[in-house]
Amino acid sequence: MTIVAYICAIWCLALLVLNFSAVFVTARKCRARSRNMPAAENAPPVSVIRPLRGVETFSEETLRASFEFDYPHYELLFCVQNSHDPIIPMVEGMMAEYPSIPSRLLIGDDYVSVNPKLNNCVKGWDAARYDFVVLADSNALTPRDYIQTMLAGFRDDDTAMVVSMPIGSQPDGYWAHVECAILNTFQARWQYGAEAIGIGFAQGKNMMWRREVLDRAGGIRALGSDIAEDAASTKIIRAQGMKIRLVDMPFEQPLGRRTAREVYSRHVRWARLRRVTFPGYFLPEFQNGSFLPVVLGAYSALLFEADAALTAGAILTSLYAAEFALARVCGWAFDWRFPFALLMRDALLPAMFVDACLFDDFVWHGNAMTVREGTETTAG
């Protein structure tokens, strides 16, 4: 029993050290500060591709932000698959309102993979004129210094891509706060923790490519090698011995109202994709959240004849206090619902892990899909 107690205690301590280290790294990179980074005098021109589909809650806000970058030379390429898409009049209105900003609306679908977003982006990549190309999701809220913030990440010649994960903002209701607890103080800190040890991952919300890197691999169509374009991007970049870096201050994704079903289905979908695209990194995810450290700590305390309940409470409090401090330092959304959102998130994480292991099917942008398609695409 003594050996088991020590194993549990050491395992618990290791998980706590990992969590606190990731929080520290993220706090240093993402601490809140003014969004006024100036563009460099020799700033290169940049192409910004935004795939669109339908009108979303914050469509007007996110579209307008694209036209208001404080950057001297960029072009906007809006990609829509269907000529009857209701977002088109809004895009055309914005383009007319900002005639000085070079922008184009590209309509059509190029089927290169099972990934509808990638298919929508192909025409934008083909039309892009510049050596730095951004792929930015429709619901990403881009600040005025968006482009120069991303360019600042290209500190070395071996940097192929700079990305920003989404930081949930403008939550409306309890479940939107749960999604903030998943996106912000959880996923963001593990992304920055991975980057700190040299294993940065692409994330499709905001990706700036050094175009020549992807062109060497066959261009944007090469991203069809995986069901998710960000997973394919990561593998292509690593195959060339290059790096992915994260921006120092990640960008927002306004959430609005969320339901429990929306939050669960969105994040279990990405868990299933991670299981297929990066199984070696997915398997340790069962240790995520507070559940395992609390159980290990309480059990080891019980074996050492200490107060198990007090130990569990101390571990949970310390983990959540670190996340609260992180949200505060970074200026991320939180209020009195934050601790309850953390509890719900940590209750969902084990369920989502098991779900991701057992099931393959999901719905993405209205398309019924399965992660088996990604395996078949890669194999073919």
Protein backbone atom coordinates (compact mmCIF):
# COMPACT_ATOMS: atom_id res chain seq x y z
CA MET A 1 0.00 0.00 0.00
CA THR A 2 2.89 2.37 0.75
CA ILE A 3 4.24 1.97 -2.79
CA VAL A 4 0.77 2.67 -4.25
CA ALA A 5 0.44 5.72 -2.01
CA TYR A 6 3.78 7.11 -3.22
CA ILE A 7 2.94 6.41 -6.86
CA CYS A 8 -0.40 8.24 -6.53
CA ALA A 9 1.19 11.15 -4.67
CA ILE A 10 4.01 11.54 -7.22
CA TRP A 11 1.60 11.28 -10.14
CA CYS A 12 -0.66 13.90 -8.55
CA LEU A 13 2.32 16.19 -7.90
CA ALA A 14 3.54 15.81 -11.49
CA LEU A 15 0.11 16.79 -12.85
CA LEU A 16 -0.01 19.83 -10.56
CA VAL A 17 3.46 20.93 -11.68
CA LEU A 18 2.43 20.57 -15.34
CA ASN A 19 -0.74 22.59 -14.78
CA PHE A 20 0.95 25.40 -12.88
CA SER A 21 3.83 25.55 -15.38
CA ALA A 22 1.41 25.87 -18.29
CA VAL A 23 -0.49 28.61 -16.45
CA PHE A 24 2.77 30.51 -15.82
CA VAL A 25 3.92 30.25 -19.45
CA THR A 26 0.52 31.38 -20.74
CA ALA A 27 0.30 34.29 -18.32
CA ARG A 28 3.66 35.59 -19.51
CA LYS A 29 2.68 35.37 -23.18
CA CYS A 30 -0.92 36.55 -22.95
CA ARG A 31 -0.99 39.20 -20.22
CA ALA A 32 -3.45 41.95 -21.08
CA ARG A 33 -1.99 45.06 -22.69
CA SER A 34 -3.04 47.64 -25.24
CA ARG A 35 -3.73 46.55 -28.81
CA ASN A 36 -1.60 49.15 -30.57
CA MET A 37 1.38 47.33 -32.05
CA PRO A 38 2.65 49.49 -34.94
CA ALA A 39 3.36 47.99 -38.34
CA ALA A 40 7.04 47.81 -39.27
CA GLU A 41 8.34 50.29 -41.84
CA ASN A 42 9.17 47.47 -44.24
CA ALA A 43 5.98 45.55 -43.46
CA PRO A 44 5.32 42.94 -46.18
CA PRO A 45 1.95 42.83 -47.97
CA VAL A 46 -0.41 40.16 -46.64
CA SER A 47 -3.35 38.24 -48.09
CA VAL A 48 -6.22 37.53 -45.68
CA ILE A 49 -8.61 34.72 -46.64
CA ARG A 50 -11.91 34.47 -44.77
CA PRO A 51 -14.19 31.50 -45.57
CA LEU A 52 -17.83 32.39 -44.93
CA ARG A 53 -21.05 30.44 -44.67
CA GLY A 54 -24.36 31.93 -43.56
CA VAL A 55 -25.03 34.90 -41.30
CA GLU A 56 -23.84 34.38 -37.73
CA THR A 57 -24.64 36.33 -34.56
CA PHE A 58 -21.52 38.49 -34.82
CA SER A 59 -21.06 38.47 -38.61
CA GLU A 60 -21.29 42.24 -39.02
CA GLU A 61 -18.79 42.85 -36.23
CA THR A 62 -16.25 40.30 -37.47
CA LEU A 63 -16.58 41.33 -41.13
CA ARG A 64 -16.17 45.03 -40.39
CA ALA A 65 -13.06 44.34 -38.33
CA SER A 66 -11.41 42.87 -41.45
CA PHE A 67 -11.66 46.23 -43.21
CA GLU A 68 -10.26 48.22 -40.27
CA PHE A 69 -6.78 46.76 -39.84
CA ASP A 70 -4.15 49.35 -38.96
CA TYR A 71 -1.83 47.94 -41.60
CA PRO A 72 -0.55 49.60 -44.78
CA HIS A 73 -0.83 46.88 -47.41
CA TYR A 74 -3.18 43.90 -47.35
CA GLU A 75 -5.91 42.30 -49.43
CA LEU A 76 -9.13 40.60 -48.33
CA LEU A 77 -10.43 37.47 -50.02
CA PHE A 78 -13.90 36.40 -48.91
CA CYS A 79 -14.79 32.84 -49.93
CA VAL A 80 -18.37 31.59 -50.23
CA GLN A 81 -19.40 28.22 -51.66
CA ASN A 82 -22.97 29.00 -52.70
CA SER A 83 -24.12 31.98 -54.78
CA HIS A 84 -27.35 32.10 -52.74
CA ASP A 85 -25.62 32.32 -49.37
CA PRO A 86 -27.29 35.01 -47.21
CA ILE A 87 -23.91 36.40 -46.14
CA ILE A 88 -23.20 37.72 -49.65
CA PRO A 89 -25.23 40.97 -49.43
CA MET A 90 -23.48 41.84 -46.16
CA VAL A 91 -20.05 41.23 -47.69
CA GLU A 92 -20.88 43.27 -50.78
CA GLY A 93 -22.18 46.10 -48.60
CA MET A 94 -18.95 46.15 -46.58
CA MET A 95 -16.84 46.13 -49.72
CA ALA A 96 -18.76 49.14 -51.04
CA GLU A 97 -18.39 50.91 -47.68
CA TYR A 98 -14.59 50.48 -47.70
CA PRO A 99 -13.59 51.01 -51.36
CA SER A 100 -9.98 51.84 -50.44
CA ILE A 101 -9.36 48.33 -49.07
CA PRO A 102 -8.51 45.80 -51.83
CA SER A 103 -11.10 43.07 -51.44
CA ARG A 104 -12.71 40.36 -53.52
CA LEU A 105 -15.67 38.04 -53.07
CA LEU A 106 -14.98 34.59 -54.53
CA ILE A 107 -17.90 32.22 -55.03
CA GLY A 108 -17.68 28.52 -55.84
CA ASP A 109 -16.61 25.18 -54.43
CA ASP A 110 -13.42 23.23 -55.12
CA TYR A 111 -13.74 19.70 -53.78
CA VAL A 112 -10.31 18.56 -52.64
CA SER A 113 -11.22 16.78 -49.39
CA VAL A 114 -14.05 15.87 -47.02
CA ASN A 115 -13.36 19.13 -45.17
CA PRO A 116 -15.92 21.75 -46.36
CA LYS A 117 -13.95 24.66 -44.94
CA LEU A 118 -10.81 23.64 -46.82
CA ASN A 119 -12.78 23.25 -50.05
CA ASN A 120 -14.09 26.77 -49.58
CA CYS A 121 -10.59 28.20 -49.04
CA VAL A 122 -8.95 26.73 -52.17
CA LYS A 123 -10.05 29.51 -54.50
CA GLY A 124 -8.85 32.11 -52.01
CA TRP A 125 -5.39 30.56 -51.82
CA ASP A 126 -5.17 30.37 -55.60
CA ALA A 127 -6.16 34.04 -55.89
CA ALA A 128 -3.90 35.33 -53.09
CA ARG A 129 -1.07 37.53 -54.37
CA TYR A 130 1.30 37.76 -51.42
CA ASP A 131 3.94 35.68 -49.65
CA PHE A 132 2.21 35.76 -46.25
CA VAL A 133 -1.31 34.33 -46.27
CA VAL A 134 -3.80 34.29 -43.39
CA LEU A 135 -6.66 31.81 -43.10
CA ALA A 136 -9.10 33.32 -40.60
CA ASP A 137 -12.44 31.77 -39.63
CA SER A 138 -15.58 33.82 -40.11
CA ASN A 139 -16.24 34.07 -36.36
CA ALA A 140 -12.75 35.25 -35.40
CA LEU A 141 -12.81 38.84 -34.12
CA THR A 142 -9.68 40.47 -35.52
CA PRO A 143 -8.21 43.53 -33.72
CA ARG A 144 -6.71 46.49 -35.58
CA ASP A 145 -3.15 45.21 -35.05
CA TYR A 146 -4.09 41.68 -36.14
CA ILE A 147 -1.67 41.37 -39.05
CA GLN A 148 1.42 42.85 -37.36
CA THR A 149 0.76 40.78 -34.23
CA MET A 150 0.88 37.62 -36.32
CA LEU A 151 3.90 38.75 -38.34
CA ALA A 152 5.79 39.39 -35.08
CA GLY A 153 5.73 35.64 -34.49
CA PHE A 154 8.02 35.02 -37.47
CA ARG A 155 11.11 35.62 -35.38
CA ASP A 156 13.21 32.95 -37.07
CA ASP A 157 13.65 31.65 -40.59
CA ASP A 158 12.47 28.22 -39.43
CA THR A 159 9.02 29.53 -38.46
CA ALA A 160 6.53 28.32 -41.06
CA MET A 161 3.30 29.47 -39.44
CA VAL A 162 1.97 31.70 -36.66
CA VAL A 163 -1.39 30.89 -35.13
CA SER A 164 -3.81 32.12 -32.52
CA MET A 165 -6.27 29.89 -30.75
CA PRO A 166 -9.72 31.42 -30.13
CA ILE A 167 -10.28 33.17 -26.80
CA GLY A 168 -13.97 33.10 -25.89
CA SER A 169 -15.45 36.56 -25.31
CA GLN A 170 -18.87 38.19 -24.92
CA PRO A 171 -20.42 35.08 -23.33
CA ASP A 172 -24.19 35.16 -22.82
CA GLY A 173 -25.45 32.66 -20.27
CA TYR A 174 -23.99 29.83 -18.22
CA TRP A 175 -23.05 27.49 -21.08
CA ALA A 176 -21.19 30.22 -22.90
CA HIS A 177 -19.13 30.65 -19.73
CA VAL A 178 -18.48 26.90 -19.74
CA GLU A 179 -17.14 27.26 -23.27
CA CYS A 180 -14.93 30.13 -22.09
CA ALA A 181 -13.60 27.80 -19.38
CA ILE A 182 -12.73 25.26 -22.08
CA LEU A 183 -11.24 27.66 -24.63
CA ASN A 184 -9.45 30.16 -22.44
CA THR A 185 -7.87 28.96 -19.23
CA PHE A 186 -7.80 25.31 -20.36
CA GLN A 187 -7.06 24.85 -24.06
CA ALA A 188 -5.02 28.03 -24.40
CA ARG A 189 -2.67 27.12 -21.56
CA TRP A 190 -2.00 23.66 -22.95
CA GLN A 191 -1.36 25.14 -26.40
CA TYR A 192 1.19 27.56 -24.96
CA GLY A 193 2.65 24.81 -22.82
CA ALA A 194 3.16 22.64 -25.92
CA GLU A 195 4.79 25.52 -27.77
CA ALA A 196 7.13 26.11 -24.83
CA ILE A 197 8.58 22.59 -25.19
CA GLY A 198 8.86 22.81 -28.97
CA ILE A 199 5.74 20.98 -30.14
CA GLY A 200 3.49 23.80 -31.30
CA PHE A 201 0.30 22.82 -33.11
CA ALA A 202 -1.61 24.63 -35.84
CA GLN A 203 -5.13 25.69 -34.98
CA GLY A 204 -7.48 26.58 -37.79
CA LYS A 205 -9.13 29.62 -36.25
CA ASN A 206 -6.29 32.01 -37.20
CA MET A 207 -3.32 30.73 -39.22
CA MET A 208 -0.72 32.84 -41.02
CA TRP A 209 1.36 30.82 -43.48
CA ARG A 210 4.72 31.56 -44.95
CA ARG A 211 3.33 30.67 -48.36
CA GLU A 212 6.45 29.03 -49.78
CA VAL A 213 6.29 26.35 -47.06
CA LEU A 214 2.85 25.09 -48.08
CA ASP A 215 3.62 25.51 -51.77
CA ARG A 216 6.62 23.18 -51.35
CA ALA A 217 4.22 20.53 -50.08
CA GLY A 218 1.85 20.95 -53.04
CA GLY A 219 -0.13 24.04 -52.06
CA ILE A 220 -3.39 24.26 -50.17
CA ARG A 221 -4.70 21.02 -51.69
CA ALA A 222 -2.08 19.17 -49.65
CA LEU A 223 -4.11 20.04 -46.54
CA GLY A 224 -6.66 17.48 -47.71
CA SER A 225 -4.32 14.74 -46.47
CA ASP A 226 -6.13 14.90 -43.10
CA ILE A 227 -9.75 15.46 -42.22
CA ALA A 228 -8.79 18.67 -40.36
CA GLU A 229 -6.70 21.29 -42.14
CA ASP A 230 -4.87 22.32 -38.98
CA ALA A 231 -3.73 18.74 -38.31
CA ALA A 232 -2.50 18.45 -41.91
CA SER A 233 -0.72 21.81 -41.53
CA THR A 234 1.09 20.64 -38.41
CA LYS A 235 2.33 17.46 -40.09
CA ILE A 236 3.45 19.28 -43.26
CA ILE A 237 5.42 21.84 -41.26
CA ARG A 238 7.07 19.26 -39.01
CA ALA A 239 8.00 17.17 -42.07
CA GLN A 240 10.02 20.16 -43.30
CA GLY A 241 11.77 20.56 -39.95
CA MET A 242 10.08 23.91 -39.30
CA LYS A 243 8.12 25.39 -36.40
CA ILE A 244 4.68 26.69 -35.53
CA ARG A 245 4.53 29.64 -33.14
CA LEU A 246 1.68 31.22 -31.22
CA VAL A 247 0.93 34.93 -31.07
CA ASP A 248 1.82 36.65 -27.83
CA MET A 249 -1.73 37.88 -27.27
CA PRO A 250 -4.41 35.62 -28.78
CA PHE A 251 -7.50 36.89 -30.56
CA GLU A 252 -11.12 36.72 -29.52
CA GLN A 253 -14.03 34.66 -30.71
CA PRO A 254 -17.29 36.27 -29.53
CA LEU A 255 -19.59 33.51 -28.32
CA GLY A 256 -22.96 35.01 -27.54
CA ARG A 257 -25.45 32.44 -26.31
CA ARG A 258 -24.56 28.75 -26.15
CA THR A 259 -26.55 25.65 -25.26
CA ALA A 260 -25.23 22.59 -23.47
CA ARG A 261 -25.64 20.55 -26.64
CA GLU A 262 -23.68 23.05 -28.73
CA VAL A 263 -20.78 23.18 -26.30
CA TYR A 264 -20.56 19.43 -25.83
CA SER A 265 -20.93 18.53 -29.51
CA ARG A 266 -18.36 21.13 -30.62
CA HIS A 267 -15.63 19.98 -28.24
CA VAL A 268 -16.25 16.26 -28.49
CA ARG A 269 -16.00 16.68 -32.27
CA TRP A 270 -12.52 18.14 -31.92
CA ALA A 271 -11.60 15.41 -29.45
CA ARG A 272 -12.57 12.77 -32.03
CA LEU A 273 -10.48 14.54 -34.64
CA ARG A 274 -7.49 14.66 -32.29
CA ARG A 275 -7.87 10.95 -31.60
CA VAL A 276 -7.52 10.19 -35.31
CA THR A 277 -4.97 12.81 -36.36
CA PHE A 278 -2.65 12.76 -33.31
CA PRO A 279 -3.39 9.57 -31.33
CA GLY A 280 -0.13 9.74 -29.40
CA TYR A 281 -0.99 13.17 -28.04
CA PHE A 282 -4.66 12.33 -27.56
CA LEU A 283 -4.21 9.34 -25.24
CA PRO A 284 -2.73 11.31 -22.29
CA GLU A 285 -5.77 13.62 -22.39
CA PHE A 286 -7.53 11.40 -19.84
CA GLN A 287 -5.36 13.22 -17.28
CA ASN A 288 -6.75 16.64 -18.22
CA GLY A 289 -8.82 18.70 -15.83
CA SER A 290 -9.01 18.47 -12.07
CA PHE A 291 -10.64 15.02 -11.79
CA LEU A 292 -7.51 12.83 -11.83
CA PRO A 293 -5.29 15.06 -9.64
CA VAL A 294 -8.07 15.31 -7.06
CA VAL A 295 -8.71 11.54 -7.06
CA LEU A 296 -5.00 10.68 -6.91
CA GLY A 297 -4.34 13.21 -4.16
CA ALA A 298 -7.30 12.11 -2.07
CA TYR A 299 -6.48 8.44 -2.47
CA SER A 300 -2.83 8.90 -1.54
CA ALA A 301 -3.88 10.96 1.50
CA LEU A 302 -6.24 8.16 2.52
CA LEU A 303 -3.43 5.60 2.24
CA PHE A 304 -1.14 7.84 4.31
CA GLU A 305 -3.97 8.15 6.87
CA ALA A 306 -4.35 11.89 6.22
CA ASP A 307 -7.58 13.83 5.62
CA ALA A 308 -8.64 12.85 2.08
CA ALA A 309 -11.43 15.44 1.85
CA LEU A 310 -9.16 18.26 2.94
CA THR A 311 -6.49 17.16 0.45
CA ALA A 312 -9.00 16.98 -2.40
CA GLY A 313 -10.34 20.43 -1.52
CA ALA A 314 -6.85 21.93 -1.37
CA ILE A 315 -5.91 20.51 -4.78
CA LEU A 316 -9.13 21.69 -6.42
CA THR A 317 -8.84 25.14 -4.87
CA SER A 318 -5.22 25.56 -5.96
CA LEU A 319 -5.98 24.52 -9.55
CA TYR A 320 -8.96 26.84 -9.84
CA ALA A 321 -7.14 29.71 -8.13
CA ALA A 322 -4.41 29.42 -10.77
CA GLU A 323 -7.00 29.55 -13.56
CA PHE A 324 -8.72 32.53 -11.96
CA ALA A 325 -5.37 34.34 -11.77
CA LEU A 326 -4.66 33.48 -15.41
CA ALA A 327 -8.02 34.84 -16.59
CA ARG A 328 -7.48 38.01 -14.57
CA VAL A 329 -3.91 38.62 -15.80
CA CYS A 330 -4.91 38.04 -19.41
CA GLY A 331 -8.15 40.03 -19.25
CA TRP A 332 -10.28 37.07 -20.32
CA ALA A 333 -14.00 36.80 -19.65
CA PHE A 334 -15.02 35.65 -16.17
CA ASP A 335 -17.59 36.56 -13.53
CA TRP A 336 -19.28 34.92 -10.54
CA ARG A 337 -20.18 31.93 -12.73
CA PHE A 338 -16.53 31.13 -13.40
CA PRO A 339 -15.99 28.50 -10.64
CA PHE A 340 -19.25 26.76 -11.58
CA ALA A 341 -18.20 26.78 -15.24
CA LEU A 342 -14.86 25.20 -14.26
CA LEU A 343 -16.63 22.47 -12.32
CA MET A 344 -18.92 21.70 -15.25
CA ARG A 345 -16.00 21.69 -17.68
CA ASP A 346 -14.04 19.25 -15.54
CA ALA A 347 -17.09 17.03 -15.23
CA LEU A 348 -17.47 17.01 -19.03
CA LEU A 349 -13.81 16.33 -19.90
CA PRO A 350 -13.78 12.63 -18.85
CA ALA A 351 -17.13 12.08 -20.59
CA MET A 352 -15.86 13.71 -23.79
CA PHE A 353 -12.69 11.63 -23.70
CA VAL A 354 -14.65 8.37 -23.45
CA ASP A 355 -17.13 9.58 -26.08
CA ALA A 356 -14.27 10.46 -28.45
CA CYS A 357 -12.77 6.98 -27.97
CA LEU A 358 -16.03 5.17 -28.69
CA PHE A 359 -17.67 7.11 -31.51
CA ASP A 360 -16.61 8.46 -34.92
CA ASP A 361 -19.52 10.45 -36.33
CA PHE A 362 -20.18 14.17 -36.02
CA VAL A 363 -21.85 17.11 -37.78
CA TRP A 364 -19.70 19.98 -39.06
CA HIS A 365 -21.24 23.05 -40.69
CA GLY A 366 -24.39 21.05 -41.33
CA ASN A 367 -22.47 18.16 -42.95
CA ALA A 368 -22.75 14.67 -41.45
CA MET A 369 -19.18 13.35 -41.29
CA THR A 370 -17.08 10.66 -39.66
CA VAL A 371 -13.45 10.65 -38.61
CA ARG A 372 -13.08 7.40 -40.58
CA GLU A 373 -13.20 9.58 -43.68
CA GLY A 374 -9.99 11.24 -42.56
CA THR A 375 -8.28 7.87 -42.25
CA GLU A 376 -9.52 6.83 -45.65
CA THR A 377 -8.41 10.14 -47.21
CA THR A 378 -4.94 9.83 -45.72
CA ALA A 379 -4.62 6.21 -46.78
CA GLY A 380 -5.74 7.06 -50.32
